[in-house]
């Protein structure tokens, strides 16, 4: 199943993703009942830039971050955070083998004294 997702993701063009980003910004803006002018003012970006982005034109990373911050949507960038991964073999070496079960201890075992 994962293979099909990768093929689908990789087969989309760059312009398709720009349109998708623009649509996400537009819908997110409308969800919070904000006009393009409001978003532009609060983000520190020109309204014409907002219009262009929502139409699927290119966007700078700085503008994207400013817009997402204004819309309260910075969390969508969390997926881009790099997570260190350990190979399964190294993970197996690093983990200690756990006991299968505990051995019982004889509690009534007293020291025997000898008569010598």
N, C-alpha and C. Protein backbone atom coordinates (compact mmCIF):
# COMPACT_ATOMS: atom_id res chain seq x y z
N UNK A 1 0.82 -1.19 0.00
CA UNK A 1 0.00 0.00 0.00
C UNK A 1 0.87 1.26 0.00
N UNK A 2 1.96 1.23 0.75
CA UNK A 2 2.84 2.39 0.82
C UNK A 2 3.43 2.70 -0.55
N UNK A 3 3.75 1.68 -1.32
CA UNK A 3 4.30 1.89 -2.65
C UNK A 3 3.37 2.69 -3.54
N UNK A 4 2.07 2.41 -3.48
CA UNK A 4 1.09 3.14 -4.28
C UNK A 4 1.02 4.60 -3.88
N UNK A 5 1.14 4.89 -2.61
CA UNK A 5 1.11 6.27 -2.14
C UNK A 5 2.30 7.03 -2.69
N UNK A 6 3.49 6.43 -2.65
CA UNK A 6 4.69 7.09 -3.16
C UNK A 6 4.58 7.37 -4.65
N UNK A 7 4.01 6.45 -5.40
CA UNK A 7 3.85 6.65 -6.84
C UNK A 7 2.89 7.81 -7.08
N UNK A 8 1.81 7.86 -6.34
CA UNK A 8 0.83 8.93 -6.48
C UNK A 8 1.44 10.28 -6.14
N UNK A 9 2.20 10.34 -5.06
CA UNK A 9 2.83 11.59 -4.62
C UNK A 9 3.85 12.05 -5.64
N UNK A 10 4.67 11.14 -6.12
CA UNK A 10 5.73 11.50 -7.05
C UNK A 10 5.24 11.80 -8.46
N UNK A 11 4.04 11.35 -8.79
CA UNK A 11 3.54 11.58 -10.14
C UNK A 11 2.89 12.95 -10.30
N UNK A 12 2.62 13.64 -9.21
CA UNK A 12 2.01 14.97 -9.29
C UNK A 12 3.07 16.00 -9.69
N UNK A 13 2.64 16.96 -10.47
CA UNK A 13 3.57 18.01 -10.91
C UNK A 13 3.74 19.06 -9.82
N UNK A 14 4.77 19.86 -9.96
CA UNK A 14 5.01 20.95 -9.01
C UNK A 14 3.84 21.93 -8.99
N UNK A 15 3.30 22.23 -10.16
CA UNK A 15 2.18 23.17 -10.23
C UNK A 15 0.94 22.62 -9.53
N UNK A 16 0.78 21.30 -9.55
CA UNK A 16 -0.34 20.69 -8.83
C UNK A 16 -0.21 20.95 -7.33
N UNK A 17 1.00 20.84 -6.82
CA UNK A 17 1.21 21.10 -5.40
C UNK A 17 1.03 22.58 -5.06
N UNK A 18 1.44 23.46 -5.96
CA UNK A 18 1.23 24.89 -5.72
C UNK A 18 -0.26 25.22 -5.65
N UNK A 19 -1.04 24.62 -6.53
CA UNK A 19 -2.50 24.81 -6.49
C UNK A 19 -3.06 24.26 -5.19
N UNK A 20 -2.57 23.10 -4.77
CA UNK A 20 -3.03 22.49 -3.52
C UNK A 20 -2.71 23.39 -2.32
N UNK A 21 -1.51 23.96 -2.29
CA UNK A 21 -1.13 24.87 -1.20
C UNK A 21 -2.02 26.11 -1.22
N UNK A 22 -2.23 26.67 -2.41
CA UNK A 22 -3.10 27.84 -2.53
C UNK A 22 -4.51 27.57 -2.06
N UNK A 23 -5.03 26.40 -2.41
CA UNK A 23 -6.38 26.01 -1.98
C UNK A 23 -6.44 25.82 -0.47
N UNK A 24 -5.40 25.23 0.09
CA UNK A 24 -5.34 25.05 1.55
C UNK A 24 -5.36 26.40 2.26
N UNK A 25 -4.58 27.33 1.76
CA UNK A 25 -4.54 28.66 2.37
C UNK A 25 -5.89 29.36 2.23
N UNK A 26 -6.49 29.28 1.05
CA UNK A 26 -7.79 29.93 0.83
C UNK A 26 -8.85 29.37 1.76
N UNK A 27 -8.94 28.03 1.83
CA UNK A 27 -9.97 27.41 2.68
C UNK A 27 -9.71 27.69 4.16
N UNK A 28 -8.45 27.66 4.55
CA UNK A 28 -8.10 27.95 5.95
C UNK A 28 -8.46 29.39 6.30
N UNK A 29 -8.23 30.29 5.36
CA UNK A 29 -8.57 31.71 5.57
C UNK A 29 -10.07 31.88 5.72
N UNK A 30 -10.83 31.21 4.87
CA UNK A 30 -12.29 31.31 4.93
C UNK A 30 -12.85 30.64 6.19
N UNK A 31 -12.19 29.58 6.65
CA UNK A 31 -12.63 28.91 7.88
C UNK A 31 -12.61 29.84 9.09
N UNK A 32 -11.67 30.77 9.09
CA UNK A 32 -11.58 31.72 10.21
C UNK A 32 -12.22 33.06 9.84
N UNK A 33 -12.98 33.06 8.74
CA UNK A 33 -13.74 34.24 8.31
C UNK A 33 -12.84 35.47 8.13
N UNK A 34 -11.75 35.27 7.40
CA UNK A 34 -10.78 36.33 7.19
C UNK A 34 -10.74 36.69 5.71
N UNK A 35 -10.68 37.98 5.42
CA UNK A 35 -10.56 38.41 4.03
C UNK A 35 -9.10 38.33 3.59
N UNK A 36 -8.91 38.39 2.29
CA UNK A 36 -7.54 38.41 1.77
C UNK A 36 -6.78 39.63 2.29
N UNK A 37 -7.48 40.76 2.39
CA UNK A 37 -6.84 41.98 2.89
C UNK A 37 -6.44 41.82 4.36
N UNK A 38 -7.32 41.19 5.17
CA UNK A 38 -6.98 40.94 6.58
C UNK A 38 -5.75 40.05 6.69
N UNK A 39 -5.74 38.97 5.92
CA UNK A 39 -4.62 38.03 5.96
C UNK A 39 -3.33 38.73 5.52
N UNK A 40 -3.43 39.54 4.50
CA UNK A 40 -2.25 40.27 4.02
C UNK A 40 -1.71 41.20 5.09
N UNK A 41 -2.60 41.96 5.73
CA UNK A 41 -2.17 42.90 6.78
C UNK A 41 -1.55 42.18 7.96
N UNK A 42 -2.20 41.13 8.43
CA UNK A 42 -1.72 40.41 9.61
C UNK A 42 -0.43 39.63 9.33
N UNK A 43 -0.25 39.22 8.07
CA UNK A 43 0.94 38.45 7.70
C UNK A 43 2.11 39.34 7.29
N UNK A 44 1.81 40.60 6.99
CA UNK A 44 2.86 41.49 6.51
C UNK A 44 3.20 41.25 5.05
N UNK A 45 2.22 40.80 4.30
CA UNK A 45 2.39 40.46 2.89
C UNK A 45 1.38 41.28 2.09
N UNK A 46 1.70 41.62 0.87
CA UNK A 46 0.77 42.36 0.04
C UNK A 46 -0.45 41.52 -0.35
N UNK A 47 -1.60 42.18 -0.50
CA UNK A 47 -2.82 41.47 -0.88
C UNK A 47 -2.66 40.80 -2.24
N UNK A 48 -1.98 41.45 -3.16
CA UNK A 48 -1.78 40.86 -4.49
C UNK A 48 -0.99 39.55 -4.40
N UNK A 49 -0.10 39.47 -3.42
CA UNK A 49 0.66 38.23 -3.20
C UNK A 49 -0.27 37.13 -2.71
N UNK A 50 -1.17 37.47 -1.79
CA UNK A 50 -2.15 36.50 -1.28
C UNK A 50 -3.02 35.99 -2.43
N UNK A 51 -3.49 36.90 -3.27
CA UNK A 51 -4.32 36.52 -4.42
C UNK A 51 -3.55 35.55 -5.32
N UNK A 52 -2.31 35.88 -5.61
CA UNK A 52 -1.49 35.03 -6.49
C UNK A 52 -1.26 33.65 -5.88
N UNK A 53 -0.98 33.61 -4.59
CA UNK A 53 -0.74 32.33 -3.91
C UNK A 53 -1.98 31.46 -3.95
N UNK A 54 -3.14 32.06 -3.67
CA UNK A 54 -4.38 31.30 -3.67
C UNK A 54 -4.75 30.80 -5.06
N UNK A 55 -4.23 31.42 -6.09
CA UNK A 55 -4.46 30.97 -7.47
C UNK A 55 -3.49 29.86 -7.87
N UNK A 56 -2.50 29.57 -7.01
CA UNK A 56 -1.56 28.50 -7.32
C UNK A 56 -0.24 28.98 -7.87
N UNK A 57 0.02 30.28 -7.77
CA UNK A 57 1.33 30.79 -8.19
C UNK A 57 2.37 30.44 -7.14
N UNK A 58 3.63 30.59 -7.50
CA UNK A 58 4.71 30.19 -6.58
C UNK A 58 4.69 31.05 -5.32
N UNK A 59 5.26 30.49 -4.27
CA UNK A 59 5.27 31.13 -2.96
C UNK A 59 6.66 30.95 -2.35
N UNK A 60 7.13 31.97 -1.67
CA UNK A 60 8.41 31.81 -0.97
C UNK A 60 8.15 31.11 0.35
N UNK A 61 9.17 30.47 0.86
CA UNK A 61 9.01 29.78 2.15
C UNK A 61 8.69 30.76 3.27
N UNK A 62 9.30 31.92 3.23
CA UNK A 62 9.03 32.93 4.25
C UNK A 62 7.56 33.35 4.23
N UNK A 63 7.02 33.60 3.03
CA UNK A 63 5.60 33.95 2.93
C UNK A 63 4.72 32.82 3.42
N UNK A 64 5.08 31.59 3.08
CA UNK A 64 4.30 30.44 3.53
C UNK A 64 4.26 30.36 5.05
N UNK A 65 5.41 30.52 5.68
CA UNK A 65 5.47 30.46 7.14
C UNK A 65 4.67 31.60 7.76
N UNK A 66 4.78 32.80 7.21
CA UNK A 66 4.04 33.94 7.75
C UNK A 66 2.54 33.73 7.64
N UNK A 67 2.10 33.21 6.50
CA UNK A 67 0.67 32.97 6.30
C UNK A 67 0.17 31.87 7.23
N UNK A 68 0.90 30.76 7.30
CA UNK A 68 0.49 29.65 8.17
C UNK A 68 0.45 30.10 9.63
N UNK A 69 1.40 30.91 10.04
CA UNK A 69 1.41 31.41 11.42
C UNK A 69 0.16 32.27 11.68
N UNK A 70 -0.16 33.14 10.75
CA UNK A 70 -1.33 34.01 10.89
C UNK A 70 -2.62 33.19 10.97
N UNK A 71 -2.68 32.12 10.19
CA UNK A 71 -3.88 31.28 10.16
C UNK A 71 -3.90 30.24 11.28
N UNK A 72 -2.84 30.17 12.07
CA UNK A 72 -2.77 29.17 13.13
C UNK A 72 -2.58 27.76 12.60
N UNK A 73 -1.89 27.64 11.47
CA UNK A 73 -1.72 26.34 10.81
C UNK A 73 -0.26 25.90 10.70
N UNK A 74 0.61 26.44 11.53
CA UNK A 74 2.02 26.06 11.47
C UNK A 74 2.23 24.57 11.73
N UNK A 75 1.27 23.94 12.37
CA UNK A 75 1.40 22.52 12.70
C UNK A 75 1.54 21.64 11.45
N UNK A 76 1.09 22.11 10.30
CA UNK A 76 1.23 21.30 9.08
C UNK A 76 2.70 21.10 8.71
N UNK A 77 3.58 21.94 9.23
CA UNK A 77 5.00 21.81 8.94
C UNK A 77 5.69 20.81 9.86
N UNK A 78 5.01 20.33 10.88
CA UNK A 78 5.61 19.36 11.81
C UNK A 78 6.02 18.08 11.11
N UNK A 79 5.30 17.71 10.07
CA UNK A 79 5.62 16.49 9.33
C UNK A 79 7.00 16.59 8.68
N UNK A 80 7.46 17.80 8.47
CA UNK A 80 8.75 18.01 7.82
C UNK A 80 9.92 17.92 8.80
N UNK A 81 9.62 17.77 10.07
CA UNK A 81 10.69 17.68 11.07
C UNK A 81 11.40 16.34 10.92
N UNK A 82 12.72 16.38 10.80
CA UNK A 82 13.51 15.16 10.61
C UNK A 82 13.56 14.37 11.90
N UNK A 83 13.31 13.07 11.79
CA UNK A 83 13.36 12.19 12.95
C UNK A 83 14.46 11.16 12.72
N UNK A 84 15.37 11.08 13.67
CA UNK A 84 16.48 10.13 13.58
C UNK A 84 15.92 8.71 13.62
N UNK A 85 16.42 7.85 12.76
CA UNK A 85 15.95 6.46 12.73
C UNK A 85 17.13 5.53 12.96
N UNK A 86 16.87 4.46 13.68
CA UNK A 86 17.89 3.45 13.97
C UNK A 86 17.54 2.21 13.16
N UNK A 87 18.56 1.58 12.60
CA UNK A 87 18.32 0.37 11.83
C UNK A 87 17.84 -0.73 12.78
N UNK A 88 17.03 -1.65 12.30
CA UNK A 88 16.54 -2.73 13.15
C UNK A 88 17.66 -3.56 13.78
N UNK A 89 18.75 -3.79 13.04
CA UNK A 89 19.86 -4.57 13.59
C UNK A 89 20.52 -3.84 14.75
N UNK A 90 20.74 -2.55 14.61
CA UNK A 90 21.35 -1.78 15.68
C UNK A 90 20.42 -1.70 16.88
N UNK A 91 19.14 -1.56 16.63
CA UNK A 91 18.17 -1.52 17.73
C UNK A 91 18.18 -2.83 18.51
N UNK A 92 18.31 -3.95 17.79
CA UNK A 92 18.35 -5.25 18.46
C UNK A 92 19.60 -5.39 19.31
N UNK A 93 20.72 -4.87 18.83
CA UNK A 93 21.96 -4.94 19.61
C UNK A 93 21.89 -4.06 20.85
N UNK A 94 21.20 -2.94 20.74
CA UNK A 94 21.14 -1.99 21.86
C UNK A 94 20.19 -2.43 22.97
N UNK A 95 19.22 -3.23 22.63
CA UNK A 95 18.26 -3.67 23.65
C UNK A 95 18.82 -4.89 24.37
N UNK A 96 18.56 -4.96 25.64
CA UNK A 96 19.02 -6.11 26.41
C UNK A 96 17.94 -7.17 26.39
N UNK A 97 18.39 -8.39 26.47
CA UNK A 97 17.45 -9.50 26.45
C UNK A 97 16.73 -9.55 27.79
N UNK A 98 15.42 -9.55 27.74
CA UNK A 98 14.66 -9.61 28.99
C UNK A 98 14.44 -11.06 29.40
N UNK A 99 14.29 -11.26 30.69
CA UNK A 99 14.08 -12.61 31.21
C UNK A 99 12.71 -13.12 30.81
N UNK A 100 12.66 -14.39 30.58
CA UNK A 100 11.39 -15.02 30.27
C UNK A 100 10.54 -15.19 31.52
N UNK A 101 11.21 -15.59 32.63
CA UNK A 101 10.51 -15.72 33.90
C UNK A 101 11.52 -15.65 35.03
N UNK A 102 11.04 -15.38 36.21
CA UNK A 102 11.93 -15.25 37.37
C UNK A 102 12.11 -16.60 38.04
N UNK A 103 13.30 -16.81 38.61
CA UNK A 103 13.57 -18.03 39.36
C UNK A 103 13.09 -17.83 40.78
N UNK A 104 12.54 -18.84 41.34
CA UNK A 104 12.08 -18.75 42.72
C UNK A 104 13.25 -18.82 43.70
N UNK A 105 13.08 -18.24 44.86
CA UNK A 105 14.10 -18.29 45.92
C UNK A 105 13.51 -19.09 47.06
N UNK A 106 14.32 -20.03 47.56
CA UNK A 106 13.86 -20.81 48.70
C UNK A 106 14.01 -19.98 49.96
N UNK A 107 12.90 -19.69 50.60
CA UNK A 107 12.91 -18.84 51.79
C UNK A 107 13.26 -19.62 53.06
N UNK A 108 12.93 -20.90 53.11
CA UNK A 108 13.12 -21.68 54.33
C UNK A 108 14.49 -22.33 54.39
N UNK A 109 15.34 -21.99 53.54
CA UNK A 109 16.66 -22.60 53.50
C UNK A 109 17.50 -21.99 54.62
N UNK A 110 17.72 -22.75 55.65
CA UNK A 110 18.51 -22.28 56.80
C UNK A 110 19.90 -22.87 56.70
N UNK A 111 20.87 -22.18 57.31
CA UNK A 111 22.24 -22.70 57.30
C UNK A 111 22.32 -23.90 58.23
N UNK A 112 22.91 -24.94 57.72
CA UNK A 112 23.10 -26.12 58.56
C UNK A 112 24.45 -26.03 59.23
N UNK A 113 24.46 -26.31 60.50
CA UNK A 113 25.73 -26.30 61.22
C UNK A 113 26.23 -27.73 61.33
N UNK A 114 27.48 -27.85 61.32
CA UNK A 114 28.07 -29.18 61.44
C UNK A 114 28.58 -29.39 62.86
N UNK A 115 28.73 -30.62 63.24
CA UNK A 115 29.14 -30.96 64.60
C UNK A 115 30.64 -31.06 64.73
N UNK A 116 31.38 -30.85 63.86
CA UNK A 116 32.81 -31.01 63.96
C UNK A 116 33.39 -30.02 64.83
